[in-house]
């Protein structure tokens, strides 16, 4: 799997991909909870979790909790990639001068043969 080793060498691409992928996946997992909260806050809607779940499943089936899920995955995916992945890239960028200074200092302190 040489291509994987080469691609993993590109740390910044990996940060962006992983952040986007997992941001989208987590948003899909939390979709039913967010749908329930939104329906509870709506005027005239049921005020209990059980009431919301009964209403949604009765009207739309289980798929009712995932309406708009694709748009949500894409939105959360790219947003998380930019915020979290970008944050890791900036962190690596800020850390780099310190690492190169430390390596230069170590090389200077080595005894000469």
Protein backbone atom coordinates (compact mmCIF):
# COMPACT_ATOMS: atom_id res chain seq x y z
CA UNK A 1 0.00 0.00 0.00
CA UNK A 2 2.60 2.43 -1.15
CA UNK A 3 0.02 5.04 -2.17
CA UNK A 4 -1.28 5.13 1.41
CA UNK A 5 2.20 5.67 2.81
CA UNK A 6 2.82 8.49 0.35
CA UNK A 7 -0.54 10.08 1.09
CA UNK A 8 -0.04 9.83 4.85
CA UNK A 9 3.19 11.72 4.36
CA UNK A 10 1.06 14.70 3.35
CA UNK A 11 -0.04 15.47 6.89
CA UNK A 12 -2.11 18.54 6.00
CA UNK A 13 -4.24 16.70 3.47
CA UNK A 14 -4.84 13.98 6.03
CA UNK A 15 -5.96 16.54 8.65
CA UNK A 16 -8.45 18.11 6.25
CA UNK A 17 -9.83 14.78 5.01
CA UNK A 18 -10.19 13.21 8.46
CA UNK A 19 -11.78 16.31 9.95
CA UNK A 20 -14.30 16.58 7.13
CA UNK A 21 -15.15 12.89 7.10
CA UNK A 22 -15.68 12.56 10.83
CA UNK A 23 -17.50 15.89 11.07
CA UNK A 24 -20.01 14.66 8.49
CA UNK A 25 -20.34 11.25 10.14
CA UNK A 26 -20.98 12.71 13.59
CA UNK A 27 -23.56 15.12 12.22
CA UNK A 28 -25.45 12.16 10.75
CA UNK A 29 -25.37 10.37 14.11
CA UNK A 30 -26.71 13.43 15.97
CA UNK A 31 -29.40 14.25 13.38
CA UNK A 32 -32.30 12.55 15.27
CA UNK A 33 -31.41 14.39 18.48
CA UNK A 34 -31.26 17.75 16.71
CA UNK A 35 -34.56 17.05 14.95
CA UNK A 36 -36.18 16.23 18.29
CA UNK A 37 -34.86 19.39 19.94
CA UNK A 38 -36.03 21.56 17.03
CA UNK A 39 -39.52 20.05 17.13
CA UNK A 40 -39.74 20.50 20.90
CA UNK A 41 -38.89 24.19 20.55
CA UNK A 42 -41.43 24.71 17.78
CA UNK A 43 -44.64 26.45 18.90
CA UNK A 44 -47.51 24.03 19.30
CA UNK A 45 -45.32 20.94 19.01
CA UNK A 46 -45.02 18.13 21.55
CA UNK A 47 -42.94 19.09 24.58
CA UNK A 48 -41.53 15.66 25.44
CA UNK A 49 -39.02 13.46 23.65
CA UNK A 50 -41.51 10.61 23.57
CA UNK A 51 -44.15 12.88 22.02
CA UNK A 52 -41.75 14.11 19.34
CA UNK A 53 -40.57 10.61 18.46
CA UNK A 54 -44.15 9.32 18.27
CA UNK A 55 -45.18 12.20 16.01
CA UNK A 56 -42.19 11.91 13.66
CA UNK A 57 -42.28 8.13 13.36
CA UNK A 58 -46.07 8.16 12.96
CA UNK A 59 -46.01 10.75 10.15
CA UNK A 60 -42.78 10.06 8.28
CA UNK A 61 -41.33 6.84 9.63
CA UNK A 62 -37.76 6.64 10.88
CA UNK A 63 -36.65 8.52 7.74
CA UNK A 64 -38.33 11.62 9.19
CA UNK A 65 -35.39 12.11 11.51
CA UNK A 66 -32.97 12.20 8.59
CA UNK A 67 -34.71 14.64 6.22
CA UNK A 68 -32.11 17.12 5.08
CA UNK A 69 -29.36 14.77 6.21
CA UNK A 70 -27.30 14.96 3.02
CA UNK A 71 -27.16 18.75 3.12
CA UNK A 72 -26.28 18.60 6.80
CA UNK A 73 -23.45 16.10 6.18
CA UNK A 74 -21.91 18.29 3.49
CA UNK A 75 -22.30 21.46 5.52
CA UNK A 76 -20.85 19.96 8.70
CA UNK A 77 -18.18 18.10 6.75
CA UNK A 78 -16.66 21.08 5.01
CA UNK A 79 -17.14 23.32 8.04
CA UNK A 80 -15.35 20.87 10.32
CA UNK A 81 -12.61 20.34 7.74
CA UNK A 82 -11.94 24.07 7.55
CA UNK A 83 -12.16 24.77 11.29
CA UNK A 84 -10.56 21.65 12.81
CA UNK A 85 -8.30 20.67 9.90
CA UNK A 86 -7.25 24.26 9.35
CA UNK A 87 -6.59 24.63 13.07
CA UNK A 88 -4.28 21.63 13.03
CA UNK A 89 -2.45 23.00 10.00
CA UNK A 90 -1.97 26.37 11.72
CA UNK A 91 -0.82 24.59 14.88
CA UNK A 92 1.77 22.62 12.89
CA UNK A 93 2.88 25.80 11.14
CA UNK A 94 3.32 27.64 14.46
CA UNK A 95 5.15 24.70 16.00
CA UNK A 96 7.56 24.26 13.04
CA UNK A 97 10.00 27.12 13.80
CA UNK A 98 10.46 25.86 17.36
CA UNK A 99 11.19 22.34 16.11
CA UNK A 100 13.72 23.53 13.54
CA UNK A 101 15.42 25.76 16.15
CA UNK A 102 15.69 22.79 18.52
CA UNK A 103 17.21 20.60 15.80
CA UNK A 104 19.74 23.29 14.93
CA UNK A 105 20.70 23.64 18.61
CA UNK A 106 21.12 19.86 18.98
CA UNK A 107 23.33 19.75 15.90
CA UNK A 108 25.47 22.60 17.25
CA UNK A 109 25.93 20.90 20.63
CA UNK A 110 27.16 17.55 19.24
CA UNK A 111 30.82 16.91 19.92
CA UNK A 112 33.01 16.99 16.85
CA UNK A 113 34.90 13.73 16.13
